[in-house]
């Protein structure tokens, strides 16, 4: 069986449409209303519940034959605050966290994370850059505590951020802590950083490019997911991955047409160039239903 004949591994993004995979959080405003004792109690309960829910998410993926899972970026909220309470609660929980890696490895599930849009390494503001590095450091710390690989198998994915700052973005990468740099990857978007810019950044930094065909067709105003440029960037992005078969791509369709930024419930069209990609994150409103339909569609014939 060739790589093209091997069915892709379709990945679940964070939660399910059902209540099977859900996580708890707390807003900064509500957290700051609590006194120190109440904050500690709240985060102790919340972190433990989210850790246990993460384990259940892995169980869910195993039962559904899902081998790629993007965990929530809000797993341990408030762990970055100067009061240090979240960091202490997380330290208390740390001895249990390697169960995540043990279970993921036993199930053959790849775990990744995608921090939010406020991570902007290319910002003109040094405060924004410092905070971005802090956030990336927290995600890398969490992955380390869980025992997940310090490699692009457990990728930490971000966008380019402020447009027209490719050189600045490239300059930031060598100064990042090793546990961030070893996992960091960049994704194209439909606004500031198109596929050409992100490919250039990844080529210059040696970091992987997670190609998103839907972002690409929107930014370039294309009418077909099989436009030659989609094939080109799928293959070019693959060349930034080491090994190449670790390549991750994002799959989504527009709700009301190819140029609609809103994600559809299910996936009607997958670029032909994705057929040779092993790891495909499914960004669809239908979540596990969309994945199940894709699994059935691309299951090898008996």
C-alpha atoms as a PDB file:
ATOM      1  CA  UNK A   1       0.000   0.000   0.000  1.00  0.00           C
ATOM      2  CA  UNK A   2       1.413   3.401  -1.009  1.00  0.00           C
ATOM      3  CA  UNK A   3       1.149   6.626   1.023  1.00  0.00           C
ATOM      4  CA  UNK A   4      -1.608   7.740  -1.385  1.00  0.00           C
ATOM      5  CA  UNK A   5      -3.564   4.543  -0.661  1.00  0.00           C
ATOM      6  CA  UNK A   6      -3.302   4.911   3.126  1.00  0.00           C
ATOM      7  CA  UNK A   7      -6.435   6.581   4.555  1.00  0.00           C
ATOM      8  CA  UNK A   8      -5.765   9.877   6.328  1.00  0.00           C
ATOM      9  CA  UNK A   9      -5.998  10.297  10.082  1.00  0.00           C
ATOM     10  CA  UNK A  10      -8.714  12.896  10.575  1.00  0.00           C
ATOM     11  CA  UNK A  11      -8.205  14.993  13.713  1.00  0.00           C
ATOM     12  CA  UNK A  12     -10.684  16.322  16.264  1.00  0.00           C
ATOM     13  CA  UNK A  13     -10.369  19.966  17.298  1.00  0.00           C
ATOM     14  CA  UNK A  14     -10.811  20.443  21.058  1.00  0.00           C
ATOM     15  CA  UNK A  15     -14.450  19.538  21.748  1.00  0.00           C
ATOM     16  CA  UNK A  16     -17.351  17.518  20.371  1.00  0.00           C
ATOM     17  CA  UNK A  17     -20.820  18.579  19.293  1.00  0.00           C
ATOM     18  CA  UNK A  18     -22.128  16.222  21.953  1.00  0.00           C
ATOM     19  CA  UNK A  19     -21.317  16.642  25.626  1.00  0.00           C
ATOM     20  CA  UNK A  20     -18.723  13.848  25.429  1.00  0.00           C
ATOM     21  CA  UNK A  21     -15.718  16.193  25.276  1.00  0.00           C
ATOM     22  CA  UNK A  22     -16.080  19.489  27.107  1.00  0.00           C
ATOM     23  CA  UNK A  23     -13.797  21.618  29.294  1.00  0.00           C
ATOM     24  CA  UNK A  24     -14.361  24.139  32.064  1.00  0.00           C
ATOM     25  CA  UNK A  25     -12.897  27.601  32.349  1.00  0.00           C
ATOM     26  CA  UNK A  26     -13.159  30.820  34.352  1.00  0.00           C
ATOM     27  CA  UNK A  27     -12.938  34.398  33.169  1.00  0.00           C
ATOM     28  CA  UNK A  28     -10.189  36.649  34.455  1.00  0.00           C
ATOM     29  CA  UNK A  29     -12.820  39.055  35.797  1.00  0.00           C
ATOM     30  CA  UNK A  30     -14.553  36.389  37.873  1.00  0.00           C
ATOM     31  CA  UNK A  31     -11.256  34.964  39.057  1.00  0.00           C
ATOM     32  CA  UNK A  32     -10.030  38.319  40.337  1.00  0.00           C
ATOM     33  CA  UNK A  33     -13.215  38.742  42.383  1.00  0.00           C
ATOM     34  CA  UNK A  34     -12.174  35.784  44.561  1.00  0.00           C
ATOM     35  CA  UNK A  35      -9.908  35.981  47.593  1.00  0.00           C
ATOM     36  CA  UNK A  36      -6.678  33.969  47.653  1.00  0.00           C
ATOM     37  CA  UNK A  37      -8.169  30.930  49.384  1.00  0.00           C
ATOM     38  CA  UNK A  38     -11.126  30.807  46.999  1.00  0.00           C
ATOM     39  CA  UNK A  39      -8.844  31.209  43.980  1.00  0.00           C
ATOM     40  CA  UNK A  40      -6.751  28.236  45.059  1.00  0.00           C
ATOM     41  CA  UNK A  41      -9.820  26.080  45.663  1.00  0.00           C
ATOM     42  CA  UNK A  42     -11.393  27.092  42.345  1.00  0.00           C
ATOM     43  CA  UNK A  43      -8.300  26.348  40.264  1.00  0.00           C
ATOM     44  CA  UNK A  44      -7.604  23.094  42.096  1.00  0.00           C
ATOM     45  CA  UNK A  45     -11.037  21.824  41.130  1.00  0.00           C
ATOM     46  CA  UNK A  46     -10.932  23.250  37.615  1.00  0.00           C
ATOM     47  CA  UNK A  47      -7.450  21.931  36.723  1.00  0.00           C
ATOM     48  CA  UNK A  48      -8.240  18.448  37.991  1.00  0.00           C
ATOM     49  CA  UNK A  49     -11.538  18.339  36.130  1.00  0.00           C
ATOM     50  CA  UNK A  50      -9.921  19.517  32.899  1.00  0.00           C
ATOM     51  CA  UNK A  51      -7.088  17.004  33.270  1.00  0.00           C
ATOM     52  CA  UNK A  52      -9.607  14.189  33.742  1.00  0.00           C
ATOM     53  CA  UNK A  53     -11.656  15.497  30.821  1.00  0.00           C
ATOM     54  CA  UNK A  54      -8.530  15.478  28.654  1.00  0.00           C
ATOM     55  CA  UNK A  55      -8.028  11.811  29.489  1.00  0.00           C
ATOM     56  CA  UNK A  56     -11.660  11.168  28.587  1.00  0.00           C
ATOM     57  CA  UNK A  57     -11.107  13.021  25.310  1.00  0.00           C
ATOM     58  CA  UNK A  58      -8.309  10.590  24.483  1.00  0.00           C
ATOM     59  CA  UNK A  59     -10.617   7.695  25.383  1.00  0.00           C
ATOM     60  CA  UNK A  60     -13.285   9.175  23.109  1.00  0.00           C
ATOM     61  CA  UNK A  61     -10.816   9.500  20.241  1.00  0.00           C
ATOM     62  CA  UNK A  62      -9.646   5.935  20.685  1.00  0.00           C
ATOM     63  CA  UNK A  63     -13.213   4.620  20.599  1.00  0.00           C
ATOM     64  CA  UNK A  64     -13.898   6.613  17.400  1.00  0.00           C
ATOM     65  CA  UNK A  65     -10.652   5.656  15.642  1.00  0.00           C
ATOM     66  CA  UNK A  66      -9.423   9.257  15.817  1.00  0.00           C
ATOM     67  CA  UNK A  67      -5.620   9.435  16.048  1.00  0.00           C
ATOM     68  CA  UNK A  68      -5.080  13.204  15.965  1.00  0.00           C
ATOM     69  CA  UNK A  69      -6.371  15.453  18.726  1.00  0.00           C
ATOM     70  CA  UNK A  70      -5.980  19.202  19.235  1.00  0.00           C
ATOM     71  CA  UNK A  71      -6.376  19.875  22.932  1.00  0.00           C
ATOM     72  CA  UNK A  72      -7.901  23.100  24.159  1.00  0.00           C
ATOM     73  CA  UNK A  73      -5.564  26.055  24.649  1.00  0.00           C
ATOM     74  CA  UNK A  74      -7.535  26.898  27.833  1.00  0.00           C
ATOM     75  CA  UNK A  75      -6.774  23.680  29.704  1.00  0.00           C
ATOM     76  CA  UNK A  76      -5.216  25.406  32.726  1.00  0.00           C
ATOM     77  CA  UNK A  77      -6.510  29.007  32.759  1.00  0.00           C
ATOM     78  CA  UNK A  78      -4.936  31.656  35.011  1.00  0.00           C
ATOM     79  CA  UNK A  79      -1.715  29.681  35.367  1.00  0.00           C
ATOM     80  CA  UNK A  80       0.200  32.724  34.075  1.00  0.00           C
ATOM     81  CA  UNK A  81      -0.974  35.290  36.620  1.00  0.00           C
ATOM     82  CA  UNK A  82       1.439  37.050  38.922  1.00  0.00           C
ATOM     83  CA  UNK A  83      -0.380  35.788  42.015  1.00  0.00           C
ATOM     84  CA  UNK A  84       1.311  32.423  41.306  1.00  0.00           C
ATOM     85  CA  UNK A  85      -1.697  30.424  42.484  1.00  0.00           C
ATOM     86  CA  UNK A  86      -2.355  28.725  39.158  1.00  0.00           C
ATOM     87  CA  UNK A  87       1.301  27.809  38.791  1.00  0.00           C
ATOM     88  CA  UNK A  88       1.308  26.255  42.271  1.00  0.00           C
ATOM     89  CA  UNK A  89      -1.884  24.296  41.641  1.00  0.00           C
ATOM     90  CA  UNK A  90      -0.415  23.016  38.392  1.00  0.00           C
ATOM     91  CA  UNK A  91       2.794  22.017  40.175  1.00  0.00           C
ATOM     92  CA  UNK A  92       0.735  20.032  42.686  1.00  0.00           C
ATOM     93  CA  UNK A  93      -1.016  18.228  39.822  1.00  0.00           C
ATOM     94  CA  UNK A  94       2.193  17.664  37.843  1.00  0.00           C
ATOM     95  CA  UNK A  95       3.005  14.135  39.116  1.00  0.00           C
ATOM     96  CA  UNK A  96      -0.223  12.853  37.554  1.00  0.00           C
ATOM     97  CA  UNK A  97       0.072  14.615  34.179  1.00  0.00           C
ATOM     98  CA  UNK A  98       2.394  12.096  32.419  1.00  0.00           C
ATOM     99  CA  UNK A  99      -0.653   9.832  32.192  1.00  0.00           C
ATOM    100  CA  UNK A 100      -1.604  11.975  29.178  1.00  0.00           C
ATOM    101  CA  UNK A 101       1.485  10.886  27.229  1.00  0.00           C
ATOM    102  CA  UNK A 102       1.197   7.304  28.438  1.00  0.00           C
ATOM    103  CA  UNK A 103      -2.390   7.057  27.261  1.00  0.00           C
ATOM    104  CA  UNK A 104      -1.760   8.914  24.001  1.00  0.00           C
ATOM    105  CA  UNK A 105       1.136   6.604  23.163  1.00  0.00           C
ATOM    106  CA  UNK A 106      -0.829   3.492  24.099  1.00  0.00           C
ATOM    107  CA  UNK A 107      -3.722   4.612  21.896  1.00  0.00           C
ATOM    108  CA  UNK A 108      -1.511   5.813  19.031  1.00  0.00           C
ATOM    109  CA  UNK A 109      -2.934   9.341  19.287  1.00  0.00           C
ATOM    110  CA  UNK A 110      -1.007  12.449  18.306  1.00  0.00           C
ATOM    111  CA  UNK A 111      -1.715  15.466  20.562  1.00  0.00           C
ATOM    112  CA  UNK A 112      -1.201  19.053  19.343  1.00  0.00           C
ATOM    113  CA  UNK A 113      -2.223  22.543  20.504  1.00  0.00           C
ATOM    114  CA  UNK A 114      -3.073  25.834  18.790  1.00  0.00           C
ATOM    115  CA  UNK A 115      -2.690  28.911  21.075  1.00  0.00           C
ATOM    116  CA  UNK A 116      -5.083  31.791  20.487  1.00  0.00           C
ATOM    117  CA  UNK A 117      -4.719  34.706  18.076  1.00  0.00           C
ATOM    118  CA  UNK A 118      -3.203  36.988  20.715  1.00  0.00           C
ATOM    119  CA  UNK A 119       0.165  35.260  20.291  1.00  0.00           C
ATOM    120  CA  UNK A 120       1.913  37.706  17.937  1.00  0.00           C
ATOM    121  CA  UNK A 121       5.678  37.262  17.738  1.00  0.00           C
ATOM    122  CA  UNK A 122       5.899  39.830  14.935  1.00  0.00           C
ATOM    123  CA  UNK A 123       4.285  42.669  16.894  1.00  0.00           C
ATOM    124  CA  UNK A 124       5.840  46.144  17.045  1.00  0.00           C
ATOM    125  CA  UNK A 125       5.130  46.130  20.769  1.00  0.00           C
ATOM    126  CA  UNK A 126       7.799  44.528  22.930  1.00  0.00           C
ATOM    127  CA  UNK A 127       5.162  43.961  25.615  1.00  0.00           C
ATOM    128  CA  UNK A 128       3.030  41.961  23.156  1.00  0.00           C
ATOM    129  CA  UNK A 129       6.067  39.946  22.095  1.00  0.00           C
ATOM    130  CA  UNK A 130       7.044  39.228  25.703  1.00  0.00           C
ATOM    131  CA  UNK A 131       3.503  38.127  26.515  1.00  0.00           C
ATOM    132  CA  UNK A 132       3.409  35.971  23.378  1.00  0.00           C
ATOM    133  CA  UNK A 133       6.600  34.195  24.405  1.00  0.00           C
ATOM    134  CA  UNK A 134       5.147  33.756  27.898  1.00  0.00           C
ATOM    135  CA  UNK A 135       1.990  32.132  26.489  1.00  0.00           C
ATOM    136  CA  UNK A 136       3.991  29.861  24.199  1.00  0.00           C
ATOM    137  CA  UNK A 137       6.184  28.962  27.166  1.00  0.00           C
ATOM    138  CA  UNK A 138       3.132  27.953  29.183  1.00  0.00           C
ATOM    139  CA  UNK A 139       1.934  25.646  26.420  1.00  0.00           C
ATOM    140  CA  UNK A 140       5.390  24.130  26.053  1.00  0.00           C
ATOM    141  CA  UNK A 141       5.567  23.692  29.837  1.00  0.00           C
ATOM    142  CA  UNK A 142       2.194  21.934  29.846  1.00  0.00           C
ATOM    143  CA  UNK A 143       3.317  19.556  27.098  1.00  0.00           C
ATOM    144  CA  UNK A 144       6.544  18.883  29.013  1.00  0.00           C
ATOM    145  CA  UNK A 145       4.606  18.177  32.221  1.00  0.00           C
ATOM    146  CA  UNK A 146       2.388  15.756  30.320  1.00  0.00           C
ATOM    147  CA  UNK A 147       5.437  13.948  28.994  1.00  0.00           C
ATOM    148  CA  UNK A 148       4.545  14.662  25.368  1.00  0.00           C
ATOM    149  CA  UNK A 149       7.415  14.689  22.864  1.00  0.00           C
ATOM    150  CA  UNK A 150       9.568  17.773  22.592  1.00  0.00           C
ATOM    151  CA  UNK A 151       9.313  17.637  18.806  1.00  0.00           C
ATOM    152  CA  UNK A 152       6.956  18.571  15.997  1.00  0.00           C
ATOM    153  CA  UNK A 153       5.002  15.417  16.658  1.00  0.00           C
ATOM    154  CA  UNK A 154       3.368  17.501  19.430  1.00  0.00           C
ATOM    155  CA  UNK A 155       3.214  20.707  17.467  1.00  0.00           C
ATOM    156  CA  UNK A 156       2.402  24.151  18.928  1.00  0.00           C
ATOM    157  CA  UNK A 157       0.819  26.057  16.056  1.00  0.00           C
ATOM    158  CA  UNK A 158       0.536  29.820  15.597  1.00  0.00           C
ATOM    159  CA  UNK A 159      -0.214  32.319  12.835  1.00  0.00           C
ATOM    160  CA  UNK A 160       2.218  34.933  11.586  1.00  0.00           C
ATOM    161  CA  UNK A 161       0.514  37.781  13.426  1.00  0.00           C
ATOM    162  CA  UNK A 162       1.147  41.359  12.340  1.00  0.00           C
ATOM    163  CA  UNK A 163       1.451  41.546   8.572  1.00  0.00           C
ATOM    164  CA  UNK A 164       4.494  42.814   6.714  1.00  0.00           C
ATOM    165  CA  UNK A 165       6.846  41.710   9.469  1.00  0.00           C
ATOM    166  CA  UNK A 166       8.279  38.463   8.078  1.00  0.00           C
ATOM    167  CA  UNK A 167      11.858  39.442   8.818  1.00  0.00           C
ATOM    168  CA  UNK A 168      10.982  40.302  12.414  1.00  0.00           C
ATOM    169  CA  UNK A 169       9.132  37.008  12.773  1.00  0.00           C
ATOM    170  CA  UNK A 170      12.144  35.088  11.492  1.00  0.00           C
ATOM    171  CA  UNK A 171      14.456  36.991  13.843  1.00  0.00           C
ATOM    172  CA  UNK A 172      12.384  36.049  16.904  1.00  0.00           C
ATOM    173  CA  UNK A 173      12.569  32.285  16.415  1.00  0.00           C
ATOM    174  CA  UNK A 174      16.227  31.582  17.361  1.00  0.00           C
ATOM    175  CA  UNK A 175      15.755  33.374  20.693  1.00  0.00           C
ATOM    176  CA  UNK A 176      12.786  31.235  21.759  1.00  0.00           C
ATOM    177  CA  UNK A 177      13.339  28.676  24.543  1.00  0.00           C
ATOM    178  CA  UNK A 178      14.213  25.200  23.268  1.00  0.00           C
ATOM    179  CA  UNK A 179      10.966  23.567  24.409  1.00  0.00           C
ATOM    180  CA  UNK A 180       8.995  26.102  22.320  1.00  0.00           C
ATOM    181  CA  UNK A 181      11.238  26.091  19.265  1.00  0.00           C
ATOM    182  CA  UNK A 182      11.295  22.287  19.099  1.00  0.00           C
ATOM    183  CA  UNK A 183       7.482  22.229  18.703  1.00  0.00           C
ATOM    184  CA  UNK A 184       6.613  25.495  16.965  1.00  0.00           C
ATOM    185  CA  UNK A 185       4.943  25.612  13.543  1.00  0.00           C
ATOM    186  CA  UNK A 186       3.291  28.352  11.485  1.00  0.00           C
ATOM    187  CA  UNK A 187      -0.034  28.396   9.612  1.00  0.00           C
ATOM    188  CA  UNK A 188      -1.144  30.619   6.747  1.00  0.00           C
ATOM    189  CA  UNK A 189      -4.216  32.803   7.261  1.00  0.00           C
ATOM    190  CA  UNK A 190      -6.680  34.674   5.067  1.00  0.00           C
ATOM    191  CA  UNK A 191      -5.667  38.168   6.213  1.00  0.00           C
ATOM    192  CA  UNK A 192      -2.037  38.997   6.983  1.00  0.00           C
ATOM    193  CA  UNK A 193       0.136  36.017   6.057  1.00  0.00           C
ATOM    194  CA  UNK A 194      -0.658  34.065   2.923  1.00  0.00           C
ATOM    195  CA  UNK A 195       0.888  30.785   1.903  1.00  0.00           C
ATOM    196  CA  UNK A 196       3.872  32.339   0.125  1.00  0.00           C
ATOM    197  CA  UNK A 197       4.823  34.414   3.168  1.00  0.00           C
ATOM    198  CA  UNK A 198       4.492  31.529   5.618  1.00  0.00           C
ATOM    199  CA  UNK A 199       6.406  29.176   3.333  1.00  0.00           C
ATOM    200  CA  UNK A 200       9.209  31.758   3.236  1.00  0.00           C
ATOM    201  CA  UNK A 201       9.180  32.127   7.040  1.00  0.00           C
ATOM    202  CA  UNK A 202       9.245  28.350   7.548  1.00  0.00           C
ATOM    203  CA  UNK A 203      12.009  27.863   4.998  1.00  0.00           C
ATOM    204  CA  UNK A 204      14.155  30.503   6.695  1.00  0.00           C
ATOM    205  CA  UNK A 205      13.516  29.297  10.255  1.00  0.00           C
ATOM    206  CA  UNK A 206      13.487  25.549   9.608  1.00  0.00           C
ATOM    207  CA  UNK A 207      10.030  25.271  11.192  1.00  0.00           C
ATOM    208  CA  UNK A 208       7.092  23.330   9.718  1.00  0.00           C
ATOM    209  CA  UNK A 209       4.298  24.907   7.688  1.00  0.00           C
ATOM    210  CA  UNK A 210       0.741  23.776   8.504  1.00  0.00           C
ATOM    211  CA  UNK A 211      -1.104  24.519   5.271  1.00  0.00           C
ATOM    212  CA  UNK A 212      -4.776  25.504   5.399  1.00  0.00           C
ATOM    213  CA  UNK A 213      -6.337  25.272   1.931  1.00  0.00           C
ATOM    214  CA  UNK A 214      -9.513  27.127   2.972  1.00  0.00           C
ATOM    215  CA  UNK A 215      -7.520  30.105   4.264  1.00  0.00           C
ATOM    216  CA  UNK A 216      -5.510  29.994   1.045  1.00  0.00           C
ATOM    217  CA  UNK A 217      -8.455  30.070  -1.375  1.00  0.00           C
ATOM    218  CA  UNK A 218     -10.079  32.926   0.558  1.00  0.00           C
ATOM    219  CA  UNK A 219      -6.946  35.063   0.599  1.00  0.00           C
ATOM    220  CA  UNK A 220      -6.213  34.415  -3.068  1.00  0.00           C
ATOM    221  CA  UNK A 221      -9.896  34.650  -4.147  1.00  0.00           C
ATOM    222  CA  UNK A 222      -9.839  31.226  -5.794  1.00  0.00           C
ATOM    223  CA  UNK A 223     -12.825  29.226  -7.003  1.00  0.00           C
ATOM    224  CA  UNK A 224     -11.558  25.659  -6.588  1.00  0.00           C
ATOM    225  CA  UNK A 225      -9.890  23.691  -3.799  1.00  0.00           C
ATOM    226  CA  UNK A 226      -7.980  21.914  -6.572  1.00  0.00           C
ATOM    227  CA  UNK A 227      -6.463  25.094  -7.946  1.00  0.00           C
ATOM    228  CA  UNK A 228      -2.827  24.330  -8.929  1.00  0.00           C
ATOM    229  CA  UNK A 229      -1.599  26.620  -6.154  1.00  0.00           C
ATOM    230  CA  UNK A 230      -3.326  24.436  -3.539  1.00  0.00           C
ATOM    231  CA  UNK A 231      -1.398  21.439  -4.843  1.00  0.00           C
ATOM    232  CA  UNK A 232       1.806  23.465  -4.917  1.00  0.00           C
ATOM    233  CA  UNK A 233       1.568  24.651  -1.320  1.00  0.00           C
ATOM    234  CA  UNK A 234       0.434  21.275   0.021  1.00  0.00           C
ATOM    235  CA  UNK A 235       3.590  19.739  -1.467  1.00  0.00           C
ATOM    236  CA  UNK A 236       5.847  22.676  -0.562  1.00  0.00           C
ATOM    237  CA  UNK A 237       4.603  22.593   3.040  1.00  0.00           C
ATOM    238  CA  UNK A 238       5.371  18.871   3.196  1.00  0.00           C
ATOM    239  CA  UNK A 239       8.986  19.692   2.428  1.00  0.00           C
ATOM    240  CA  UNK A 240       9.242  21.768   5.622  1.00  0.00           C
ATOM    241  CA  UNK A 241       8.388  18.771   7.841  1.00  0.00           C
ATOM    242  CA  UNK A 242      10.985  16.379   9.184  1.00  0.00           C
ATOM    243  CA  UNK A 243      10.077  13.641   8.696  1.00  0.00           C
ATOM    244  CA  UNK A 244       7.729  14.589   5.832  1.00  0.00           C
ATOM    245  CA  UNK A 245       5.050  12.094   6.889  1.00  0.00           C
ATOM    246  CA  UNK A 246       4.504  14.119  10.071  1.00  0.00           C
ATOM    247  CA  UNK A 247       2.912  16.835   7.928  1.00  0.00           C
ATOM    248  CA  UNK A 248      -0.311  18.297   9.335  1.00  0.00           C
ATOM    249  CA  UNK A 249      -2.850  20.203   7.218  1.00  0.00           C
ATOM    250  CA  UNK A 250      -6.154  21.843   8.096  1.00  0.00           C
ATOM    251  CA  UNK A 251      -9.373  20.919   6.322  1.00  0.00           C
ATOM    252  CA  UNK A 252     -12.540  23.021   6.245  1.00  0.00           C
ATOM    253  CA  UNK A 253     -15.219  24.153   3.794  1.00  0.00           C
ATOM    254  CA  UNK A 254     -17.117  27.428   3.675  1.00  0.00           C
ATOM    255  CA  UNK A 255     -20.647  27.292   5.013  1.00  0.00           C
ATOM    256  CA  UNK A 256     -22.206  29.000   1.980  1.00  0.00           C
ATOM    257  CA  UNK A 257     -19.558  28.698  -0.686  1.00  0.00           C
ATOM    258  CA  UNK A 258     -15.827  28.343  -1.004  1.00  0.00           C
ATOM    259  CA  UNK A 259     -15.068  31.953  -0.018  1.00  0.00           C
ATOM    260  CA  UNK A 260     -17.262  31.936   3.105  1.00  0.00           C
ATOM    261  CA  UNK A 261     -14.999  32.243   6.177  1.00  0.00           C
ATOM    262  CA  UNK A 262     -17.562  30.421   8.317  1.00  0.00           C
ATOM    263  CA  UNK A 263     -16.999  26.693   8.624  1.00  0.00           C
ATOM    264  CA  UNK A 264     -19.579  24.255   7.299  1.00  0.00           C
ATOM    265  CA  UNK A 265     -21.064  21.510   9.460  1.00  0.00           C
ATOM    266  CA  UNK A 266     -19.620  18.675   7.380  1.00  0.00           C
ATOM    267  CA  UNK A 267     -16.876  18.388   4.779  1.00  0.00           C
ATOM    268  CA  UNK A 268     -18.168  18.128   1.225  1.00  0.00           C
ATOM    269  CA  UNK A 269     -14.899  18.776  -0.602  1.00  0.00           C
ATOM    270  CA  UNK A 270     -11.341  17.752   0.254  1.00  0.00           C
ATOM    271  CA  UNK A 271      -8.511  18.985  -1.957  1.00  0.00           C
ATOM    272  CA  UNK A 272      -7.132  16.183  -4.095  1.00  0.00           C
ATOM    273  CA  UNK A 273      -3.638  17.168  -2.945  1.00  0.00           C
ATOM    274  CA  UNK A 274      -4.590  16.192   0.621  1.00  0.00           C
ATOM    275  CA  UNK A 275      -5.022  12.546  -0.348  1.00  0.00           C
ATOM    276  CA  UNK A 276      -1.336  11.887   0.246  1.00  0.00           C
ATOM    277  CA  UNK A 277      -1.276  13.686   3.632  1.00  0.00           C
ATOM    278  CA  UNK A 278      -1.500  11.466   6.707  1.00  0.00           C
ATOM    279  CA  UNK A 279      -2.582  13.963   9.401  1.00  0.00           C
ATOM    280  CA  UNK A 280      -5.600  16.178   8.672  1.00  0.00           C
ATOM    281  CA  UNK A 281      -7.247  18.361  11.322  1.00  0.00           C
ATOM    282  CA  UNK A 282     -10.941  18.767  10.568  1.00  0.00           C
ATOM    283  CA  UNK A 283     -12.220  22.275  11.278  1.00  0.00           C
ATOM    284  CA  UNK A 284     -15.946  21.710  10.842  1.00  0.00           C
ATOM    285  CA  UNK A 285     -18.890  22.656  13.030  1.00  0.00           C
ATOM    286  CA  UNK A 286     -20.038  19.043  12.973  1.00  0.00           C
ATOM    287  CA  UNK A 287     -16.870  17.906  14.780  1.00  0.00           C
ATOM    288  CA  UNK A 288     -17.064  14.133  15.368  1.00  0.00           C
ATOM    289  CA  UNK A 289     -19.932  13.765  12.883  1.00  0.00           C
ATOM    290  CA  UNK A 290     -17.823  15.371  10.166  1.00  0.00           C
ATOM    291  CA  UNK A 291     -14.913  13.086  11.052  1.00  0.00           C
ATOM    292  CA  UNK A 292     -17.066   9.973  10.989  1.00  0.00           C
ATOM    293  CA  UNK A 293     -18.393  10.873   7.521  1.00  0.00           C
ATOM    294  CA  UNK A 294     -14.836  11.396   6.266  1.00  0.00           C
ATOM    295  CA  UNK A 295     -13.648   8.133   7.808  1.00  0.00           C
ATOM    296  CA  UNK A 296     -16.437   6.259   6.044  1.00  0.00           C
ATOM    297  CA  UNK A 297     -15.774   8.045   2.753  1.00  0.00           C
ATOM    298  CA  UNK A 298     -12.035   7.323   2.736  1.00  0.00           C
ATOM    299  CA  UNK A 299     -12.062   3.893   4.367  1.00  0.00           C
ATOM    300  CA  UNK A 300     -10.211   1.425   2.113  1.00  0.00           C
ATOM    301  CA  UNK A 301     -12.424  -0.927   0.165  1.00  0.00           C
ATOM    302  CA  UNK A 302     -12.335  -4.531   1.497  1.00  0.00           C
END
